[in-house]
Amino acid sequence: NRYQTVYAKNTGSAAAPTAGLHFTEELLKKI
């Protein structure tokens, strides 16, 4: 799961969109 974003939903990538790996659910809620 650490090579997934916390909001990963639609299956199909051969690599992670790595900028999104920094977000937590708590940070997204604050945003």
Full PDB file with SEQRES, HELIX, SHEET, SSBOND, CRYST1, ORIGX, SCALE, CONECT and MASTER records, all heavy atoms in Angstrom:
SEQRES   1 A   31  ASN ARG TYR GLN THR VAL TYR ALA LYS ASN THR GLY SER          
SEQRES   2 A   31  ALA ALA ALA PRO THR ALA GLY LEU HIS PHE THR GLU GLU          
SEQRES   3 A   31  LEU LEU LYS LYS ILE                                          
HELIX    1 AA1 THR A   18  HIS A   22  5                                   5    
HELIX    2 AA2 GLU A   25  LYS A   30  1                                   6    
CRYST1    1.000    1.000    1.000  90.00  90.00  90.00 P 1           1          
ORIGX1      1.000000  0.000000  0.000000        0.00000                         
ORIGX2      0.000000  1.000000  0.000000        0.00000                         
ORIGX3      0.000000  0.000000  1.000000        0.00000                         
SCALE1      1.000000  0.000000  0.000000        0.00000                         
SCALE2      0.000000  1.000000  0.000000        0.00000                         
SCALE3      0.000000  0.000000  1.000000        0.00000                         
ATOM      1  N   ASN A   1       0.805  -1.217   0.000  1.00  0.00           N  
ATOM      2  CA  ASN A   1       0.000   0.000   0.000  1.00  0.00           C  
ATOM      3  C   ASN A   1       0.842   1.273   0.000  1.00  0.00           C  
ATOM      4  O   ASN A   1       0.335   2.346  -0.328  1.00  0.00           O  
ATOM      5  CB  ASN A   1      -0.949   0.010   1.202  1.00  0.00           C  
ATOM      6  CG  ASN A   1      -2.074  -0.979   1.039  1.00  0.00           C  
ATOM      7  OD1 ASN A   1      -2.547  -1.227  -0.071  1.00  0.00           O  
ATOM      8  ND2 ASN A   1      -2.510  -1.579   2.133  1.00  0.00           N  
ATOM      9  N   ARG A   2       2.128   1.162   0.353  1.00  0.00           N  
ATOM     10  CA  ARG A   2       2.953   2.360   0.370  1.00  0.00           C  
ATOM     11  C   ARG A   2       3.358   2.804  -1.031  1.00  0.00           C  
ATOM     12  O   ARG A   2       3.917   3.880  -1.198  1.00  0.00           O  
ATOM     13  CB  ARG A   2       4.195   2.143   1.259  1.00  0.00           C  
ATOM     14  CG  ARG A   2       3.877   2.019   2.746  1.00  0.00           C  
ATOM     15  CD  ARG A   2       2.985   3.142   3.288  1.00  0.00           C  
ATOM     16  NE  ARG A   2       3.468   4.469   2.982  1.00  0.00           N  
ATOM     17  CZ  ARG A   2       4.325   5.138   3.738  1.00  0.00           C  
ATOM     18  NH1 ARG A   2       4.801   4.593   4.849  1.00  0.00           N  
ATOM     19  NH2 ARG A   2       4.701   6.349   3.407  1.00  0.00           N  
ATOM     20  N   TYR A   3       3.084   1.961  -2.025  1.00  0.00           N  
ATOM     21  CA  TYR A   3       3.276   2.376  -3.424  1.00  0.00           C  
ATOM     22  C   TYR A   3       1.920   2.663  -4.074  1.00  0.00           C  
ATOM     23  O   TYR A   3       1.769   2.572  -5.275  1.00  0.00           O  
ATOM     24  CB  TYR A   3       4.041   1.294  -4.202  1.00  0.00           C  
ATOM     25  CG  TYR A   3       4.630   1.778  -5.510  1.00  0.00           C  
ATOM     26  CD1 TYR A   3       5.511   2.856  -5.561  1.00  0.00           C  
ATOM     27  CD2 TYR A   3       4.305   1.150  -6.715  1.00  0.00           C  
ATOM     28  CE1 TYR A   3       6.049   3.297  -6.756  1.00  0.00           C  
ATOM     29  CE2 TYR A   3       4.846   1.578  -7.931  1.00  0.00           C  
ATOM     30  CZ  TYR A   3       5.705   2.651  -7.939  1.00  0.00           C  
ATOM     31  OH  TYR A   3       6.236   3.094  -9.134  1.00  0.00           O  
ATOM     32  N   GLN A   4       0.952   3.004  -3.232  1.00  0.00           N  
ATOM     33  CA  GLN A   4      -0.367   3.470  -3.675  1.00  0.00           C  
ATOM     34  C   GLN A   4      -0.661   4.782  -2.973  1.00  0.00           C  
ATOM     35  O   GLN A   4      -0.264   4.990  -1.819  1.00  0.00           O  
ATOM     36  CB  GLN A   4      -1.481   2.483  -3.291  1.00  0.00           C  
ATOM     37  CG  GLN A   4      -1.337   1.088  -3.820  1.00  0.00           C  
ATOM     38  CD  GLN A   4      -1.821   0.940  -5.266  1.00  0.00           C  
ATOM     39  OE1 GLN A   4      -1.913   1.918  -6.002  1.00  0.00           O  
ATOM     40  NE2 GLN A   4      -2.097  -0.278  -5.666  1.00  0.00           N  
ATOM     41  N   THR A   5      -1.375   5.682  -3.644  1.00  0.00           N  
ATOM     42  CA  THR A   5      -1.905   6.852  -2.951  1.00  0.00           C  
ATOM     43  C   THR A   5      -3.052   6.406  -2.045  1.00  0.00           C  
ATOM     44  O   THR A   5      -3.631   5.335  -2.252  1.00  0.00           O  
ATOM     45  CB  THR A   5      -2.434   7.887  -3.960  1.00  0.00           C  
ATOM     46  OG1 THR A   5      -3.522   7.309  -4.697  1.00  0.00           O  
ATOM     47  CG2 THR A   5      -1.331   8.318  -4.930  1.00  0.00           C  
ATOM     48  N   VAL A   6      -3.365   7.223  -1.043  1.00  0.00           N  
ATOM     49  CA  VAL A   6      -4.461   6.858  -0.133  1.00  0.00           C  
ATOM     50  C   VAL A   6      -5.807   6.959  -0.836  1.00  0.00           C  
ATOM     51  O   VAL A   6      -6.810   6.431  -0.345  1.00  0.00           O  
ATOM     52  CB  VAL A   6      -4.466   7.740   1.136  1.00  0.00           C  
ATOM     53  CG1 VAL A   6      -3.209   7.507   1.951  1.00  0.00           C  
ATOM     54  CG2 VAL A   6      -4.646   9.227   0.800  1.00  0.00           C  
ATOM     55  N   TYR A   7      -5.833   7.608  -2.016  1.00  0.00           N  
ATOM     56  CA  TYR A   7      -7.094   7.752  -2.753  1.00  0.00           C  
ATOM     57  C   TYR A   7      -7.124   6.895  -4.025  1.00  0.00           C  
ATOM     58  O   TYR A   7      -7.989   7.068  -4.868  1.00  0.00           O  
ATOM     59  CB  TYR A   7      -7.346   9.228  -3.093  1.00  0.00           C  
ATOM     60  CG  TYR A   7      -6.151   9.969  -3.657  1.00  0.00           C  
ATOM     61  CD1 TYR A   7      -5.726   9.793  -4.973  1.00  0.00           C  
ATOM     62  CD2 TYR A   7      -5.441  10.862  -2.851  1.00  0.00           C  
ATOM     63  CE1 TYR A   7      -4.641  10.476  -5.479  1.00  0.00           C  
ATOM     64  CE2 TYR A   7      -4.341  11.557  -3.355  1.00  0.00           C  
ATOM     65  CZ  TYR A   7      -3.951  11.356  -4.663  1.00  0.00           C  
ATOM     66  OH  TYR A   7      -2.865  12.035  -5.164  1.00  0.00           O  
ATOM     67  N   ALA A   8      -6.179   5.957  -4.153  1.00  0.00           N  
ATOM     68  CA  ALA A   8      -6.149   5.083  -5.332  1.00  0.00           C  
ATOM     69  C   ALA A   8      -7.452   4.306  -5.438  1.00  0.00           C  
ATOM     70  O   ALA A   8      -7.917   3.719  -4.468  1.00  0.00           O  
ATOM     71  CB  ALA A   8      -4.964   4.123  -5.237  1.00  0.00           C  
ATOM     72  N   LYS A   9      -8.028   4.277  -6.634  1.00  0.00           N  
ATOM     73  CA  LYS A   9      -9.363   3.707  -6.798  1.00  0.00           C  
ATOM     74  C   LYS A   9      -9.513   2.896  -8.082  1.00  0.00           C  
ATOM     75  O   LYS A   9     -10.079   1.804  -8.078  1.00  0.00           O  
ATOM     76  CB  LYS A   9     -10.394   4.846  -6.770  1.00  0.00           C  
ATOM     77  CG  LYS A   9     -11.829   4.418  -6.943  1.00  0.00           C  
ATOM     78  CD  LYS A   9     -12.740   5.640  -6.905  1.00  0.00           C  
ATOM     79  CE  LYS A   9     -14.193   5.273  -7.162  1.00  0.00           C  
ATOM     80  NZ  LYS A   9     -15.049   6.481  -7.221  1.00  0.00           N  
ATOM     81  N   ASN A  10      -9.022   3.421  -9.196  1.00  0.00           N  
ATOM     82  CA  ASN A  10      -9.266   2.825 -10.507  1.00  0.00           C  
ATOM     83  C   ASN A  10      -8.039   2.033 -10.980  1.00  0.00           C  
ATOM     84  O   ASN A  10      -7.017   2.604 -11.328  1.00  0.00           O  
ATOM     85  CB  ASN A  10      -9.622   3.919 -11.526  1.00  0.00           C  
ATOM     86  CG  ASN A  10     -10.830   4.721 -11.072  1.00  0.00           C  
ATOM     87  OD1 ASN A  10     -11.811   4.166 -10.603  1.00  0.00           O  
ATOM     88  ND2 ASN A  10     -10.754   6.039 -11.191  1.00  0.00           N  
ATOM     89  N   THR A  11      -8.169   0.724 -10.980  1.00  0.00           N  
ATOM     90  CA  THR A  11      -7.037  -0.164 -11.250  1.00  0.00           C  
ATOM     91  C   THR A  11      -6.561  -0.060 -12.689  1.00  0.00           C  
ATOM     92  O   THR A  11      -7.373  -0.034 -13.612  1.00  0.00           O  
ATOM     93  CB  THR A  11      -7.438  -1.619 -10.956  1.00  0.00           C  
ATOM     94  OG1 THR A  11      -7.866  -1.705  -9.599  1.00  0.00           O  
ATOM     95  CG2 THR A  11      -6.278  -2.558 -11.173  1.00  0.00           C  
ATOM     96  N   GLY A  12      -5.212   0.010 -12.867  1.00  0.00           N  
ATOM     97  CA  GLY A  12      -4.708   0.004 -14.236  1.00  0.00           C  
ATOM     98  C   GLY A  12      -3.309   0.526 -14.446  1.00  0.00           C  
ATOM     99  O   GLY A  12      -2.791   0.449 -15.553  1.00  0.00           O  
ATOM    100  N   SER A  13      -2.632   1.052 -13.409  1.00  0.00           N  
ATOM    101  CA  SER A  13      -1.312   1.651 -13.603  1.00  0.00           C  
ATOM    102  C   SER A  13      -0.192   0.645 -13.435  1.00  0.00           C  
ATOM    103  O   SER A  13      -0.256  -0.253 -12.595  1.00  0.00           O  
ATOM    104  CB  SER A  13      -1.092   2.795 -12.607  1.00  0.00           C  
ATOM    105  OG  SER A  13      -1.485   4.030 -13.154  1.00  0.00           O  
ATOM    106  N   ALA A  14       0.883   0.864 -14.223  1.00  0.00           N  
ATOM    107  CA  ALA A  14       2.100   0.074 -14.073  1.00  0.00           C  
ATOM    108  C   ALA A  14       3.100   0.789 -13.169  1.00  0.00           C  
ATOM    109  O   ALA A  14       4.156   0.253 -12.869  1.00  0.00           O  
ATOM    110  CB  ALA A  14       2.732  -0.182 -15.433  1.00  0.00           C  
ATOM    111  N   ALA A  15       2.763   2.004 -12.729  1.00  0.00           N  
ATOM    112  CA  ALA A  15       3.617   2.762 -11.812  1.00  0.00           C  
ATOM    113  C   ALA A  15       2.731   3.750 -11.055  1.00  0.00           C  
ATOM    114  O   ALA A  15       1.653   4.122 -11.526  1.00  0.00           O  
ATOM    115  CB  ALA A  15       4.717   3.487 -12.569  1.00  0.00           C  
ATOM    116  N   ALA A  16       3.191   4.167  -9.892  1.00  0.00           N  
ATOM    117  CA  ALA A  16       2.394   5.076  -9.062  1.00  0.00           C  
ATOM    118  C   ALA A  16       2.532   6.524  -9.533  1.00  0.00           C  
ATOM    119  O   ALA A  16       3.596   6.926 -10.002  1.00  0.00           O  
ATOM    120  CB  ALA A  16       2.832   4.974  -7.607  1.00  0.00           C  
ATOM    121  N   PRO A  17       1.464   7.316  -9.390  1.00  0.00           N  
ATOM    122  CA  PRO A  17       1.588   8.767  -9.577  1.00  0.00           C  
ATOM    123  C   PRO A  17       2.202   9.336  -8.295  1.00  0.00           C  
ATOM    124  O   PRO A  17       1.516   9.672  -7.341  1.00  0.00           O  
ATOM    125  CB  PRO A  17       0.135   9.215  -9.775  1.00  0.00           C  
ATOM    126  CG  PRO A  17      -0.678   8.199  -9.026  1.00  0.00           C  
ATOM    127  CD  PRO A  17       0.090   6.909  -9.042  1.00  0.00           C  
ATOM    128  N   THR A  18       3.528   9.423  -8.265  1.00  0.00           N  
ATOM    129  CA  THR A  18       4.249   9.526  -6.995  1.00  0.00           C  
ATOM    130  C   THR A  18       4.037  10.833  -6.232  1.00  0.00           C  
ATOM    131  O   THR A  18       4.220  10.858  -5.016  1.00  0.00           O  
ATOM    132  CB  THR A  18       5.756   9.305  -7.227  1.00  0.00           C  
ATOM    133  OG1 THR A  18       6.226  10.215  -8.227  1.00  0.00           O  
ATOM    134  CG2 THR A  18       6.015   7.883  -7.693  1.00  0.00           C  
ATOM    135  N   ALA A  19       3.667  11.915  -6.898  1.00  0.00           N  
ATOM    136  CA  ALA A  19       3.408  13.156  -6.165  1.00  0.00           C  
ATOM    137  C   ALA A  19       2.275  12.970  -5.161  1.00  0.00           C  
ATOM    138  O   ALA A  19       2.247  13.609  -4.110  1.00  0.00           O  
ATOM    139  CB  ALA A  19       3.085  14.290  -7.133  1.00  0.00           C  
ATOM    140  N   GLY A  20       1.357  12.075  -5.482  1.00  0.00           N  
ATOM    141  CA  GLY A  20       0.219  11.829  -4.599  1.00  0.00           C  
ATOM    142  C   GLY A  20       0.547  10.990  -3.381  1.00  0.00           C  
ATOM    143  O   GLY A  20      -0.258  10.910  -2.442  1.00  0.00           O  
ATOM    144  N   LEU A  21       1.715  10.357  -3.359  1.00  0.00           N  
ATOM    145  CA  LEU A  21       2.070   9.485  -2.243  1.00  0.00           C  
ATOM    146  C   LEU A  21       2.240  10.242  -0.936  1.00  0.00           C  
ATOM    147  O   LEU A  21       2.213   9.654   0.144  1.00  0.00           O  
ATOM    148  CB  LEU A  21       3.367   8.719  -2.548  1.00  0.00           C  
ATOM    149  CG  LEU A  21       3.326   7.721  -3.716  1.00  0.00           C  
ATOM    150  CD1 LEU A  21       4.700   7.079  -3.909  1.00  0.00           C  
ATOM    151  CD2 LEU A  21       2.266   6.644  -3.474  1.00  0.00           C  
ATOM    152  N   HIS A  22       2.415  11.577  -1.007  1.00  0.00           N  
ATOM    153  CA  HIS A  22       2.656  12.379   0.196  1.00  0.00           C  
ATOM    154  C   HIS A  22       1.378  12.712   0.962  1.00  0.00           C  
ATOM    155  O   HIS A  22       1.444  13.137   2.117  1.00  0.00           O  
ATOM    156  CB  HIS A  22       3.348  13.692  -0.191  1.00  0.00           C  
ATOM    157  CG  HIS A  22       4.614  13.503  -0.946  1.00  0.00           C  
ATOM    158  ND1 HIS A  22       5.805  13.147  -0.361  1.00  0.00           N  
ATOM    159  CD2 HIS A  22       4.876  13.595  -2.280  1.00  0.00           C  
ATOM    160  CE1 HIS A  22       6.746  13.038  -1.292  1.00  0.00           C  
ATOM    161  NE2 HIS A  22       6.202  13.306  -2.459  1.00  0.00           N  
ATOM    162  N   PHE A  23       0.228  12.548   0.332  1.00  0.00           N  
ATOM    163  CA  PHE A  23      -1.025  12.940   0.978  1.00  0.00           C  
ATOM    164  C   PHE A  23      -1.509  11.861   1.938  1.00  0.00           C  
ATOM    165  O   PHE A  23      -1.425  10.666   1.645  1.00  0.00           O  
ATOM    166  CB  PHE A  23      -2.110  13.206  -0.071  1.00  0.00           C  
ATOM    167  CG  PHE A  23      -1.910  14.486  -0.835  1.00  0.00           C  
ATOM    168  CD1 PHE A  23      -1.195  14.498  -2.024  1.00  0.00           C  
ATOM    169  CD2 PHE A  23      -2.425  15.683  -0.357  1.00  0.00           C  
ATOM    170  CE1 PHE A  23      -0.997  15.667  -2.732  1.00  0.00           C  
ATOM    171  CE2 PHE A  23      -2.236  16.872  -1.063  1.00  0.00           C  
ATOM    172  CZ  PHE A  23      -1.518  16.860  -2.245  1.00  0.00           C  
ATOM    173  N   THR A  24      -2.031  12.313   3.080  1.00  0.00           N  
ATOM    174  CA  THR A  24      -2.724  11.432   4.019  1.00  0.00           C  
ATOM    175  C   THR A  24      -4.211  11.774   3.977  1.00  0.00           C  
ATOM    176  O   THR A  24      -4.599  12.846   3.495  1.00  0.00           O  
ATOM    177  CB  THR A  24      -2.214  11.625   5.449  1.00  0.00           C  
ATOM    178  OG1 THR A  24      -2.532  12.977   5.875  1.00  0.00           O  
ATOM    179  CG2 THR A  24      -0.699  11.417   5.533  1.00  0.00           C  
ATOM    180  N   GLU A  25      -5.030  10.877   4.500  1.00  0.00           N  
ATOM    181  CA  GLU A  25      -6.471  11.171   4.552  1.00  0.00           C  
ATOM    182  C   GLU A  25      -6.737  12.385   5.433  1.00  0.00           C  
ATOM    183  O   GLU A  25      -7.625  13.199   5.142  1.00  0.00           O  
ATOM    184  CB  GLU A  25      -7.215   9.938   5.061  1.00  0.00           C  
ATOM    185  CG  GLU A  25      -7.196   8.787   4.063  1.00  0.00           C  
ATOM    186  CD  GLU A  25      -7.834   7.523   4.605  1.00  0.00           C  
ATOM    187  OE1 GLU A  25      -8.209   7.511   5.792  1.00  0.00           O  
ATOM    188  OE2 GLU A  25      -7.950   6.547   3.831  1.00  0.00           O  
ATOM    189  N   GLU A  26      -5.943  12.529   6.515  1.00  0.00           N  
ATOM    190  CA  GLU A  26      -6.122  13.677   7.415  1.00  0.00           C  
ATOM    191  C   GLU A  26      -5.789  14.985   6.708  1.00  0.00           C  
ATOM    192  O   GLU A  26      -6.504  15.983   6.857  1.00  0.00           O  
ATOM    193  CB  GLU A  26      -5.226  13.515   8.656  1.00  0.00           C  
ATOM    194  CG  GLU A  26      -5.583  12.364   9.570  1.00  0.00           C  
ATOM    195  CD  GLU A  26      -5.096  11.010   9.072  1.00  0.00           C  
ATOM    196  OE1 GLU A  26      -4.284  10.977   8.104  1.00  0.00           O  
ATOM    197  OE2 GLU A  26      -5.521   9.983   9.615  1.00  0.00           O  
ATOM    198  N   LEU A  27      -4.716  14.986   5.921  1.00  0.00           N  
ATOM    199  CA  LEU A  27      -4.328  16.205   5.209  1.00  0.00           C  
ATOM    200  C   LEU A  27      -5.370  16.570   4.160  1.00  0.00           C  
ATOM    201  O   LEU A  27      -5.731  17.745   4.005  1.00  0.00           O  
ATOM    202  CB  LEU A  27      -2.953  16.014   4.554  1.00  0.00           C  
ATOM    203  CG  LEU A  27      -2.403  17.208   3.768  1.00  0.00           C  
ATOM    204  CD1 LEU A  27      -2.315  18.458   4.631  1.00  0.00           C  
ATOM    205  CD2 LEU A  27      -1.037  16.869   3.177  1.00  0.00           C  
ATOM    206  N   LEU A  28      -5.894  15.577   3.447  1.00  0.00           N  
ATOM    207  CA  LEU A  28      -6.929  15.848   2.445  1.00  0.00           C  
ATOM    208  C   LEU A  28      -8.181  16.426   3.107  1.00  0.00           C  
ATOM    209  O   LEU A  28      -8.823  17.323   2.554  1.00  0.00           O  
ATOM    210  CB  LEU A  28      -7.271  14.571   1.690  1.00  0.00           C  
ATOM    211  CG  LEU A  28      -6.203  14.088   0.690  1.00  0.00           C  
ATOM    212  CD1 LEU A  28      -6.525  12.680   0.219  1.00  0.00           C  
ATOM    213  CD2 LEU A  28      -6.103  15.035  -0.504  1.00  0.00           C  
ATOM    214  N   LYS A  29      -8.505  15.930   4.291  1.00  0.00           N  
ATOM    215  CA  LYS A  29      -9.676  16.447   5.014  1.00  0.00           C  
ATOM    216  C   LYS A  29      -9.462  17.916   5.398  1.00  0.00           C  
ATOM    217  O   LYS A  29     -10.358  18.756   5.244  1.00  0.00           O  
ATOM    218  CB  LYS A  29      -9.929  15.603   6.266  1.00  0.00           C  
ATOM    219  CG  LYS A  29     -11.172  15.996   7.027  1.00  0.00           C  
ATOM    220  CD  LYS A  29     -11.400  15.095   8.238  1.00  0.00           C  
ATOM    221  CE  LYS A  29     -12.648  15.520   9.011  1.00  0.00           C  
ATOM    222  NZ  LYS A  29     -12.844  14.693  10.237  1.00  0.00           N  
ATOM    223  N   LYS A  30      -8.261  18.249   5.866  1.00  0.00           N  
ATOM    224  CA  LYS A  30      -7.949  19.640   6.224  1.00  0.00           C  
ATOM    225  C   LYS A  30      -8.017  20.545   4.995  1.00  0.00           C  
ATOM    226  O   LYS A  30      -8.464  21.693   5.085  1.00  0.00           O  
ATOM    227  CB  LYS A  30      -6.557  19.720   6.855  1.00  0.00           C  
ATOM    228  CG  LYS A  30      -6.466  19.133   8.254  1.00  0.00           C  
ATOM    229  CD  LYS A  30      -5.042  19.237   8.782  1.00  0.00           C  
ATOM    230  CE  LYS A  30      -4.917  18.623  10.175  1.00  0.00           C  
ATOM    231  NZ  LYS A  30      -3.512  18.666  10.665  1.00  0.00           N  
ATOM    232  N   ILE A  31      -7.566  20.023   3.865  1.00  0.00           N  
ATOM    233  CA  ILE A  31      -7.606  20.797   2.624  1.00  0.00           C  
ATOM    234  C   ILE A  31      -9.043  21.136   2.250  1.00  0.00           C  
ATOM    235  O   ILE A  31      -9.365  22.281   1.905  1.00  0.00           O  
ATOM    236  CB  ILE A  31      -6.894  20.015   1.499  1.00  0.00           C  
ATOM    237  CG1 ILE A  31      -5.375  20.043   1.726  1.00  0.00           C  
ATOM    238  CG2 ILE A  31      -7.241  20.576   0.120  1.00  0.00           C  
ATOM    239  CD1 ILE A  31      -4.592  19.106   0.830  1.00  0.00           C  
TER     240      ILE A  31                                                      
MASTER        0    0    0    2    0    0    0    6  239    1    0    3          
END                                                                             
